C-alpha cells in the first residue's frame, strides 16, 4: 500500500491526493487504509519513511559493491557507486517526485517529523559511507537535489544553454542525442 501512496502523492501532492485514490490504486478499501493509518497525514509520514528505507537500501547495496574493492577503496569510487545507485532509484519518477512533494507538505507536523527523520537517517548513512567528510556529504545532498530538479524538468531533453548547464549536457550530436552527460 505504501508504494501506491507514494505513486499517488507523487502526482498530486499531499493536499491534492485523497485516501480513496490511494485505496483504489492499492486495490484495498478506504476503511482499510484508515485501519492501517489513523489519518492521511500519518499515511504520508509512513510513505516518507518507506522512501527513506528505499534510499538507504539502494545506497547500502551500492556501497557493498564498492567494498569489493577491498579495505583501501577510494572515496571517489564510493561516491560514484552511491551516486549511480541514487540515480537509478530516482529514475522511478514516483520516488523522485514524491520526495519533492514531501518537502512541500512540511507544514504538517507529522510530515515535518517524518522528513526530519528521513534526512537524519540519510545524512548519517551518507556521512558513514563518505568517511564522515562533511563537505562531501553537503556536496552529495546538493548534487542529489539538483539531479531531482533536472529529472523533474526533463532537462536532458532540452537543448538550451541553461538546461545543458544544469543537466551536465554539453551539446547535441548530429543524431539529435546529447554527446556527453556528466553526473552531478
Protein backbone atom coordinates (compact mmCIF):
# COMPACT_ATOMS: atom_id res chain seq x y z
CA UNK A 1 0.00 0.00 0.00
CA UNK A 2 2.88 2.39 0.67
CA UNK A 3 4.02 2.06 -2.95
CA UNK A 4 0.52 3.06 -4.04
CA UNK A 5 0.60 6.01 -1.64
CA UNK A 6 3.98 7.15 -2.99
CA UNK A 7 2.69 6.95 -6.56
CA UNK A 8 -0.49 8.92 -5.81
CA UNK A 9 1.16 11.54 -3.63
CA UNK A 10 3.93 11.95 -6.23
CA UNK A 11 1.39 13.08 -8.81
CA UNK A 12 -0.93 15.30 -6.80
CA UNK A 13 0.90 16.01 -3.57
CA UNK A 14 -0.34 15.71 -0.02
CA UNK A 15 -3.12 18.23 -0.39
CA UNK A 16 -4.44 17.05 -3.76
CA UNK A 17 -4.50 13.30 -3.12
CA UNK A 18 -7.39 11.52 -1.45
CA UNK A 19 -7.15 8.34 0.58
CA UNK A 20 -9.80 6.96 -1.76
CA UNK A 21 -7.39 7.32 -4.71
CA UNK A 22 -4.69 5.54 -2.74
CA UNK A 23 -7.06 2.74 -1.73
CA UNK A 24 -8.15 2.29 -5.32
CA UNK A 25 -4.57 2.13 -6.58
CA UNK A 26 -3.63 -0.32 -3.80
CA UNK A 27 -6.77 -2.35 -4.56
CA UNK A 28 -7.98 -2.18 -0.96
CA UNK A 29 -10.92 -0.46 0.69
CA UNK A 30 -10.68 3.07 2.03
CA UNK A 31 -11.70 1.92 5.54
CA UNK A 32 -8.75 -0.49 5.46
CA UNK A 33 -6.42 2.46 4.73
CA UNK A 34 -7.70 4.08 7.93
CA UNK A 35 -7.30 0.82 9.80
CA UNK A 36 -3.61 0.86 8.88
CA UNK A 37 -3.08 4.60 9.32
CA UNK A 38 -5.05 6.89 11.63
CA UNK A 39 -5.03 9.78 9.15
CA UNK A 40 -3.88 10.86 5.72
CA UNK A 41 -1.06 12.74 7.43
CA UNK A 42 0.07 9.52 9.17
CA UNK A 43 -0.08 7.69 5.83
CA UNK A 44 2.02 10.39 4.15
CA UNK A 45 4.55 10.21 7.00
CA UNK A 46 4.65 6.43 6.60
CA UNK A 47 5.30 6.85 2.88
CA UNK A 48 8.21 9.18 3.65
CA UNK A 49 9.76 6.58 5.94
CA UNK A 50 9.17 3.92 3.26
CA UNK A 51 11.03 6.01 0.67
CA UNK A 52 13.78 6.65 3.22
CA UNK A 53 14.24 2.88 3.51
CA UNK A 54 14.33 2.52 -0.29
CA UNK A 55 17.11 5.11 -0.44
CA UNK A 56 19.04 3.52 2.42
CA UNK A 57 18.79 0.08 0.84
CA UNK A 58 19.97 1.38 -2.54
CA UNK A 59 22.95 3.24 -1.07
CA UNK A 60 23.95 0.43 1.26
CA UNK A 61 23.80 -2.05 -1.63
CA UNK A 62 25.95 0.21 -3.82
CA UNK A 63 28.45 0.73 -1.03
CA UNK A 64 28.67 -3.03 -0.51
CA UNK A 65 29.63 -3.34 -4.17
CA UNK A 66 32.32 -0.70 -3.70
CA UNK A 67 33.59 -2.67 -0.68
CA UNK A 68 34.55 -5.48 -3.04
CA UNK A 69 37.49 -3.27 -3.97
CA UNK A 70 38.91 -4.07 -0.53
CA UNK A 71 39.69 -2.04 2.57
CA UNK A 72 41.67 0.57 0.59
CA UNK A 73 38.75 1.72 -1.54
CA UNK A 74 38.91 5.25 -2.80
CA UNK A 75 36.32 7.77 -1.54
CA UNK A 76 35.71 8.78 -5.17
CA UNK A 77 34.77 5.19 -6.03
CA UNK A 78 32.27 5.07 -3.16
CA UNK A 79 30.82 8.43 -4.24
CA UNK A 80 30.43 7.16 -7.82
CA UNK A 81 28.80 3.94 -6.63
CA UNK A 82 26.25 5.60 -4.36
CA UNK A 83 25.58 8.39 -6.90
CA UNK A 84 24.86 5.75 -9.52
CA UNK A 85 22.55 3.89 -7.13
CA UNK A 86 20.67 7.09 -6.31
CA UNK A 87 20.37 7.99 -9.99
CA UNK A 88 18.92 4.56 -10.72
CA UNK A 89 16.48 4.87 -7.81
CA UNK A 90 15.12 8.25 -8.88
CA UNK A 91 14.64 7.10 -12.45
CA UNK A 92 11.42 5.90 -10.86
CA UNK A 93 9.75 9.28 -11.23
CA UNK A 94 7.31 8.45 -8.44
CA UNK A 95 10.10 8.25 -5.86
CA UNK A 96 11.75 11.44 -7.05
CA UNK A 97 8.53 13.44 -7.34
CA UNK A 98 7.31 12.14 -4.01
CA UNK A 99 10.47 13.44 -2.35
CA UNK A 100 9.79 16.87 -3.82
CA UNK A 101 6.11 16.76 -2.79
CA UNK A 102 7.11 15.75 0.74
CA UNK A 103 9.12 18.93 1.16
CA UNK A 104 6.11 20.95 0.02
CA UNK A 105 3.96 19.43 2.78
CA UNK A 106 6.42 20.10 5.60
CA UNK A 107 3.97 22.47 7.30
CA UNK A 108 2.08 19.40 8.52
CA UNK A 109 3.55 18.31 11.90
CA UNK A 110 3.77 14.54 11.25
CA UNK A 111 5.12 15.16 7.76
CA UNK A 112 7.80 17.53 9.09
CA UNK A 113 8.78 14.99 11.75
CA UNK A 114 9.00 12.18 9.18
CA UNK A 115 11.05 14.37 6.83
CA UNK A 116 13.48 15.24 9.61
CA UNK A 117 13.79 11.56 10.48
CA UNK A 118 14.35 10.71 6.82
CA UNK A 119 17.05 13.35 6.39
CA UNK A 120 18.70 12.43 9.70
CA UNK A 121 18.93 8.79 8.57
CA UNK A 122 20.21 9.74 5.13
CA UNK A 123 22.80 12.20 6.48
CA UNK A 124 24.01 9.61 8.97
CA UNK A 125 24.27 6.92 6.29
CA UNK A 126 25.92 9.12 3.65
CA UNK A 127 28.31 10.51 6.28
CA UNK A 128 29.32 6.98 7.21
CA UNK A 129 29.72 5.98 3.55
CA UNK A 130 31.84 9.07 2.84
CA UNK A 131 34.08 8.66 5.89
CA UNK A 132 32.41 11.49 7.85
CA UNK A 133 33.58 14.15 5.38
CA UNK A 134 31.05 16.94 5.99
CA UNK A 135 31.94 18.76 2.76
CA UNK A 136 31.41 15.57 0.75
CA UNK A 137 28.06 15.00 2.50
CA UNK A 138 26.89 18.53 1.64
CA UNK A 139 28.06 18.01 -1.96
CA UNK A 140 26.14 14.70 -2.09
CA UNK A 141 22.89 16.31 -0.98
CA UNK A 142 23.32 19.40 -3.17
CA UNK A 143 24.08 17.31 -6.26
CA UNK A 144 21.17 14.98 -5.48
CA UNK A 145 18.71 17.84 -5.19
CA UNK A 146 19.97 19.29 -8.46
CA UNK A 147 19.53 15.89 -10.09
CA UNK A 148 15.93 15.75 -8.79
CA UNK A 149 15.16 19.12 -10.40
CA UNK A 150 16.94 18.17 -13.62
CA UNK A 151 14.85 14.99 -13.94
CA UNK A 152 11.60 16.66 -12.93
CA UNK A 153 12.01 19.30 -15.63
CA UNK A 154 13.26 16.81 -18.23
CA UNK A 155 16.35 18.93 -18.85
CA UNK A 156 18.29 16.12 -20.53
CA UNK A 157 15.97 16.67 -23.50
CA UNK A 158 16.13 20.48 -23.53
CA UNK A 159 18.77 21.85 -25.90
CA UNK A 160 19.16 25.28 -24.30
CA UNK A 161 22.35 26.64 -22.70
CA UNK A 162 20.82 26.99 -19.23
CA UNK A 163 19.39 23.43 -19.36
CA UNK A 164 22.71 21.98 -20.53
CA UNK A 165 24.45 23.77 -17.65
CA UNK A 166 22.13 22.28 -15.03
CA UNK A 167 21.92 18.80 -16.56
CA UNK A 168 25.62 18.44 -17.37
CA UNK A 169 24.95 18.18 -21.10
CA UNK A 170 27.50 19.73 -23.42
CA UNK A 171 25.84 19.66 -26.85
CA UNK A 172 23.68 17.59 -29.14
CA UNK A 173 25.32 15.35 -31.69
CA UNK A 174 24.20 15.32 -35.31
CA UNK A 175 21.85 12.44 -34.49
CA UNK A 176 19.88 14.59 -32.05
CA UNK A 177 21.02 12.98 -28.80
CA UNK A 178 23.36 14.60 -26.34
CA UNK A 179 27.02 13.88 -26.90
CA UNK A 180 28.02 13.97 -23.23
CA UNK A 181 26.39 13.94 -19.83
CA UNK A 182 28.21 14.49 -16.60
CA UNK A 183 26.79 13.03 -13.43
CA UNK A 184 26.19 15.63 -10.72
